[in-house]
C-alpha cells in the first residue's frame, strides 16, 4: 500500500527535509558569516566603555594619592588598555569575521580575562588583607595627609606579618 512519491499517504511532507539552499551569487555572500551580528558590536562597546571607565578611575586615584604602590599590584592602566584592546577587537568582528581575525580576537579576549583574573586574585590577597587590619589612622590637617598603621608589610608580591605596625 505504498504511494508513488514514497510517502505513506498522499499530501505527506517530511518536516525534516531541508528545502533548496539559497544561491550564492555575490562575492559578499560567499564570505564566511556575511551577515552582521549585533551582539559583537554591543559587547565590544561595553568592553571599550568599561576599559575607559577603569582608565578614568586609575587617573583619578593616581592624581589624588601618592601611595599607589600600597594599593595596586599591577598599574590599572595595563588592564584598562587590555580591556580597551579587547573591546576594539570584538567590535571589528561586527564588520568582518575572517578566521584569522576571529582567532586573534579570541586570544586577546582570553589573555585579557586571564590578566584581569590574576590581578583581581592578587589584589584580594595582597592589598585587602593589610587594608582590613589597620590598627590606627591619623589625619594631619595641616599637611592634608592620612597615615595608617598596619601589622602587614608588603613589597610587591611578598606579604609579611609583624607585631609592630608599619606605616602605610
C-alpha atoms as a PDB file:
ATOM      1  CA  UNK A   1       0.000   0.000   0.000  1.00  0.00           C
ATOM      2  CA  UNK A   2       2.767   2.421  -0.881  1.00  0.00           C
ATOM      3  CA  UNK A   3       2.092   5.721  -2.578  1.00  0.00           C
ATOM      4  CA  UNK A   4       4.051   6.625  -5.689  1.00  0.00           C
ATOM      5  CA  UNK A   5       6.005   9.535  -4.135  1.00  0.00           C
ATOM      6  CA  UNK A   6       7.488   7.269  -1.418  1.00  0.00           C
ATOM      7  CA  UNK A   7       5.487   8.709   1.489  1.00  0.00           C
ATOM      8  CA  UNK A   8       2.844   6.749   3.451  1.00  0.00           C
ATOM      9  CA  UNK A   9      -0.131   8.786   2.210  1.00  0.00           C
ATOM     10  CA  UNK A  10      -0.829  11.480  -0.387  1.00  0.00           C
ATOM     11  CA  UNK A  11      -0.063  15.061   0.710  1.00  0.00           C
ATOM     12  CA  UNK A  12       2.502  13.984   3.319  1.00  0.00           C
ATOM     13  CA  UNK A  13       5.614  16.156   3.523  1.00  0.00           C
ATOM     14  CA  UNK A  14       8.593  15.378   5.685  1.00  0.00           C
ATOM     15  CA  UNK A  15       9.257  18.359   8.004  1.00  0.00           C
ATOM     16  CA  UNK A  16      12.895  17.299   8.442  1.00  0.00           C
ATOM     17  CA  UNK A  17      13.828  17.564   4.773  1.00  0.00           C
ATOM     18  CA  UNK A  18      15.514  20.872   4.057  1.00  0.00           C
ATOM     19  CA  UNK A  19      14.443  22.790   1.002  1.00  0.00           C
ATOM     20  CA  UNK A  20      16.743  24.239  -1.632  1.00  0.00           C
ATOM     21  CA  UNK A  21      19.582  26.335  -0.304  1.00  0.00           C
ATOM     22  CA  UNK A  22      19.646  29.937  -1.487  1.00  0.00           C
ATOM     23  CA  UNK A  23      22.036  30.605  -4.336  1.00  0.00           C
ATOM     24  CA  UNK A  24      25.257  32.413  -3.568  1.00  0.00           C
ATOM     25  CA  UNK A  25      25.765  34.805  -6.439  1.00  0.00           C
ATOM     26  CA  UNK A  26      27.631  37.767  -4.940  1.00  0.00           C
ATOM     27  CA  UNK A  27      31.177  37.876  -3.608  1.00  0.00           C
ATOM     28  CA  UNK A  28      29.877  39.285  -0.298  1.00  0.00           C
ATOM     29  CA  UNK A  29      27.601  36.281   0.322  1.00  0.00           C
ATOM     30  CA  UNK A  30      30.431  33.839  -0.376  1.00  0.00           C
ATOM     31  CA  UNK A  31      32.437  35.095   2.595  1.00  0.00           C
ATOM     32  CA  UNK A  32      32.182  33.350   5.914  1.00  0.00           C
ATOM     33  CA  UNK A  33      29.324  34.743   8.066  1.00  0.00           C
ATOM     34  CA  UNK A  34      28.450  37.564   5.692  1.00  0.00           C
ATOM     35  CA  UNK A  35      25.612  38.940   7.842  1.00  0.00           C
ATOM     36  CA  UNK A  36      26.219  41.376  10.659  1.00  0.00           C
ATOM     37  CA  UNK A  37      25.707  40.086  14.171  1.00  0.00           C
ATOM     38  CA  UNK A  38      24.919  42.982  16.506  1.00  0.00           C
ATOM     39  CA  UNK A  39      25.996  41.180  19.687  1.00  0.00           C
ATOM     40  CA  UNK A  40      29.631  41.738  18.650  1.00  0.00           C
ATOM     41  CA  UNK A  41      29.051  45.463  18.387  1.00  0.00           C
ATOM     42  CA  UNK A  42      27.175  45.625  21.691  1.00  0.00           C
ATOM     43  CA  UNK A  43      29.738  43.552  23.634  1.00  0.00           C
ATOM     44  CA  UNK A  44      32.654  45.395  22.039  1.00  0.00           C
ATOM     45  CA  UNK A  45      31.235  48.778  23.001  1.00  0.00           C
ATOM     46  CA  UNK A  46      30.570  47.537  26.559  1.00  0.00           C
ATOM     47  CA  UNK A  47      34.177  46.318  26.869  1.00  0.00           C
ATOM     48  CA  UNK A  48      35.510  49.554  25.410  1.00  0.00           C
ATOM     49  CA  UNK A  49      33.457  51.691  27.820  1.00  0.00           C
ATOM     50  CA  UNK A  50      34.494  49.548  30.813  1.00  0.00           C
ATOM     51  CA  UNK A  51      38.133  49.993  29.816  1.00  0.00           C
ATOM     52  CA  UNK A  52      37.686  53.755  29.554  1.00  0.00           C
ATOM     53  CA  UNK A  53      35.931  53.905  32.947  1.00  0.00           C
ATOM     54  CA  UNK A  54      38.681  51.904  34.637  1.00  0.00           C
ATOM     55  CA  UNK A  55      41.281  54.162  32.984  1.00  0.00           C
ATOM     56  CA  UNK A  56      39.412  57.165  34.402  1.00  0.00           C
ATOM     57  CA  UNK A  57      39.386  55.556  37.858  1.00  0.00           C
ATOM     58  CA  UNK A  58      43.119  54.962  37.594  1.00  0.00           C
ATOM     59  CA  UNK A  59      43.825  58.569  36.588  1.00  0.00           C
ATOM     60  CA  UNK A  60      41.563  59.882  39.373  1.00  0.00           C
ATOM     61  CA  UNK A  61      43.144  57.716  42.102  1.00  0.00           C
ATOM     62  CA  UNK A  62      46.653  58.325  40.807  1.00  0.00           C
ATOM     63  CA  UNK A  63      46.062  62.076  40.885  1.00  0.00           C
ATOM     64  CA  UNK A  64      44.682  62.112  44.413  1.00  0.00           C
ATOM     65  CA  UNK A  65      47.068  59.773  46.254  1.00  0.00           C
ATOM     66  CA  UNK A  66      50.799  59.380  46.494  1.00  0.00           C
ATOM     67  CA  UNK A  67      50.781  55.856  47.929  1.00  0.00           C
ATOM     68  CA  UNK A  68      49.519  53.871  44.968  1.00  0.00           C
ATOM     69  CA  UNK A  69      52.283  51.301  45.496  1.00  0.00           C
ATOM     70  CA  UNK A  70      50.338  50.061  48.532  1.00  0.00           C
ATOM     71  CA  UNK A  71      47.002  49.748  46.759  1.00  0.00           C
ATOM     72  CA  UNK A  72      47.879  48.154  43.433  1.00  0.00           C
ATOM     73  CA  UNK A  73      49.724  45.043  42.358  1.00  0.00           C
ATOM     74  CA  UNK A  74      49.795  45.981  38.689  1.00  0.00           C
ATOM     75  CA  UNK A  75      49.075  49.502  37.425  1.00  0.00           C
ATOM     76  CA  UNK A  76      45.440  49.730  36.376  1.00  0.00           C
ATOM     77  CA  UNK A  77      46.324  51.300  33.043  1.00  0.00           C
ATOM     78  CA  UNK A  78      47.722  47.933  31.889  1.00  0.00           C
ATOM     79  CA  UNK A  79      44.472  46.055  32.484  1.00  0.00           C
ATOM     80  CA  UNK A  80      42.454  49.039  31.221  1.00  0.00           C
ATOM     81  CA  UNK A  81      44.454  49.078  27.997  1.00  0.00           C
ATOM     82  CA  UNK A  82      43.961  45.326  27.576  1.00  0.00           C
ATOM     83  CA  UNK A  83      40.185  45.662  28.065  1.00  0.00           C
ATOM     84  CA  UNK A  84      40.038  48.565  25.585  1.00  0.00           C
ATOM     85  CA  UNK A  85      42.008  46.495  23.037  1.00  0.00           C
ATOM     86  CA  UNK A  86      39.701  43.512  23.551  1.00  0.00           C
ATOM     87  CA  UNK A  87      36.671  45.760  23.085  1.00  0.00           C
ATOM     88  CA  UNK A  88      38.032  47.099  19.810  1.00  0.00           C
ATOM     89  CA  UNK A  89      38.783  43.563  18.559  1.00  0.00           C
ATOM     90  CA  UNK A  90      35.255  42.408  19.381  1.00  0.00           C
ATOM     91  CA  UNK A  91      33.801  45.499  17.662  1.00  0.00           C
ATOM     92  CA  UNK A  92      35.766  44.677  14.499  1.00  0.00           C
ATOM     93  CA  UNK A  93      34.043  41.275  14.433  1.00  0.00           C
ATOM     94  CA  UNK A  94      30.787  43.116  13.745  1.00  0.00           C
ATOM     95  CA  UNK A  95      32.068  44.086  10.294  1.00  0.00           C
ATOM     96  CA  UNK A  96      34.440  41.278   9.329  1.00  0.00           C
ATOM     97  CA  UNK A  97      34.743  37.753  10.671  1.00  0.00           C
ATOM     98  CA  UNK A  98      37.721  36.275   8.903  1.00  0.00           C
ATOM     99  CA  UNK A  99      39.176  33.164  10.513  1.00  0.00           C
ATOM    100  CA  UNK A 100      42.454  34.851  11.464  1.00  0.00           C
ATOM    101  CA  UNK A 101      40.643  37.872  12.931  1.00  0.00           C
ATOM    102  CA  UNK A 102      38.338  35.657  14.997  1.00  0.00           C
ATOM    103  CA  UNK A 103      41.350  33.677  16.248  1.00  0.00           C
ATOM    104  CA  UNK A 104      43.257  36.839  17.225  1.00  0.00           C
ATOM    105  CA  UNK A 105      40.179  38.284  18.945  1.00  0.00           C
ATOM    106  CA  UNK A 106      39.636  35.110  20.948  1.00  0.00           C
ATOM    107  CA  UNK A 107      43.304  35.023  22.009  1.00  0.00           C
ATOM    108  CA  UNK A 108      43.221  38.695  23.059  1.00  0.00           C
ATOM    109  CA  UNK A 109      39.962  38.253  24.987  1.00  0.00           C
ATOM    110  CA  UNK A 110      41.251  35.146  26.784  1.00  0.00           C
ATOM    111  CA  UNK A 111      44.539  36.882  27.656  1.00  0.00           C
ATOM    112  CA  UNK A 112      42.641  39.940  28.918  1.00  0.00           C
ATOM    113  CA  UNK A 113      40.365  37.775  31.041  1.00  0.00           C
ATOM    114  CA  UNK A 114      43.353  35.916  32.473  1.00  0.00           C
ATOM    115  CA  UNK A 115      45.159  39.200  33.208  1.00  0.00           C
ATOM    116  CA  UNK A 116      42.110  40.690  34.923  1.00  0.00           C
ATOM    117  CA  UNK A 117      41.519  37.494  36.916  1.00  0.00           C
ATOM    118  CA  UNK A 118      45.116  37.273  38.138  1.00  0.00           C
ATOM    119  CA  UNK A 119      45.069  40.963  39.061  1.00  0.00           C
ATOM    120  CA  UNK A 120      41.818  40.526  40.989  1.00  0.00           C
ATOM    121  CA  UNK A 121      43.099  37.499  42.917  1.00  0.00           C
ATOM    122  CA  UNK A 122      46.392  39.177  43.786  1.00  0.00           C
ATOM    123  CA  UNK A 123      44.610  42.364  44.830  1.00  0.00           C
ATOM    124  CA  UNK A 124      42.293  40.414  47.133  1.00  0.00           C
ATOM    125  CA  UNK A 125      45.145  38.515  48.746  1.00  0.00           C
ATOM    126  CA  UNK A 126      47.875  41.168  48.887  1.00  0.00           C
ATOM    127  CA  UNK A 127      46.079  44.517  49.144  1.00  0.00           C
ATOM    128  CA  UNK A 128      42.824  43.903  51.012  1.00  0.00           C
ATOM    129  CA  UNK A 129      44.424  41.999  53.891  1.00  0.00           C
ATOM    130  CA  UNK A 130      46.613  44.932  55.053  1.00  0.00           C
ATOM    131  CA  UNK A 131      43.779  47.410  54.474  1.00  0.00           C
ATOM    132  CA  UNK A 132      41.393  45.417  56.673  1.00  0.00           C
ATOM    133  CA  UNK A 133      43.794  45.250  59.600  1.00  0.00           C
ATOM    134  CA  UNK A 134      44.685  48.900  60.180  1.00  0.00           C
ATOM    135  CA  UNK A 135      45.432  49.476  63.836  1.00  0.00           C
ATOM    136  CA  UNK A 136      45.211  53.258  63.862  1.00  0.00           C
ATOM    137  CA  UNK A 137      44.819  56.041  61.372  1.00  0.00           C
ATOM    138  CA  UNK A 138      45.755  59.680  61.893  1.00  0.00           C
ATOM    139  CA  UNK A 139      44.893  62.611  59.677  1.00  0.00           C
ATOM    140  CA  UNK A 140      47.189  65.624  59.675  1.00  0.00           C
ATOM    141  CA  UNK A 141      45.074  68.573  58.609  1.00  0.00           C
ATOM    142  CA  UNK A 142      47.975  70.967  58.018  1.00  0.00           C
ATOM    143  CA  UNK A 143      49.685  68.585  55.580  1.00  0.00           C
ATOM    144  CA  UNK A 144      46.454  67.002  54.259  1.00  0.00           C
ATOM    145  CA  UNK A 145      47.997  63.621  54.970  1.00  0.00           C
ATOM    146  CA  UNK A 146      46.469  60.427  56.341  1.00  0.00           C
ATOM    147  CA  UNK A 147      48.825  57.966  57.991  1.00  0.00           C
ATOM    148  CA  UNK A 148      47.683  54.462  58.962  1.00  0.00           C
ATOM    149  CA  UNK A 149      49.473  51.651  60.788  1.00  0.00           C
ATOM    150  CA  UNK A 150      49.050  48.018  59.804  1.00  0.00           C
ATOM    151  CA  UNK A 151      50.769  44.838  61.034  1.00  0.00           C
ATOM    152  CA  UNK A 152      51.452  43.829  57.423  1.00  0.00           C
ATOM    153  CA  UNK A 153      54.316  44.916  55.232  1.00  0.00           C
ATOM    154  CA  UNK A 154      54.107  44.378  51.505  1.00  0.00           C
ATOM    155  CA  UNK A 155      56.897  44.533  48.979  1.00  0.00           C
ATOM    156  CA  UNK A 156      55.337  43.812  45.571  1.00  0.00           C
ATOM    157  CA  UNK A 157      54.219  40.162  45.899  1.00  0.00           C
ATOM    158  CA  UNK A 158      55.759  39.496  49.318  1.00  0.00           C
ATOM    159  CA  UNK A 159      53.365  39.969  52.251  1.00  0.00           C
ATOM    160  CA  UNK A 160      54.870  39.826  55.747  1.00  0.00           C
ATOM    161  CA  UNK A 161      53.131  39.999  59.124  1.00  0.00           C
ATOM    162  CA  UNK A 162      54.817  41.627  62.114  1.00  0.00           C
ATOM    163  CA  UNK A 163      53.594  42.608  65.548  1.00  0.00           C
ATOM    164  CA  UNK A 164      54.835  46.161  65.102  1.00  0.00           C
ATOM    165  CA  UNK A 165      52.633  48.353  62.968  1.00  0.00           C
ATOM    166  CA  UNK A 166      54.254  49.668  59.839  1.00  0.00           C
ATOM    167  CA  UNK A 167      53.315  52.931  58.186  1.00  0.00           C
ATOM    168  CA  UNK A 168      51.112  52.601  55.152  1.00  0.00           C
END
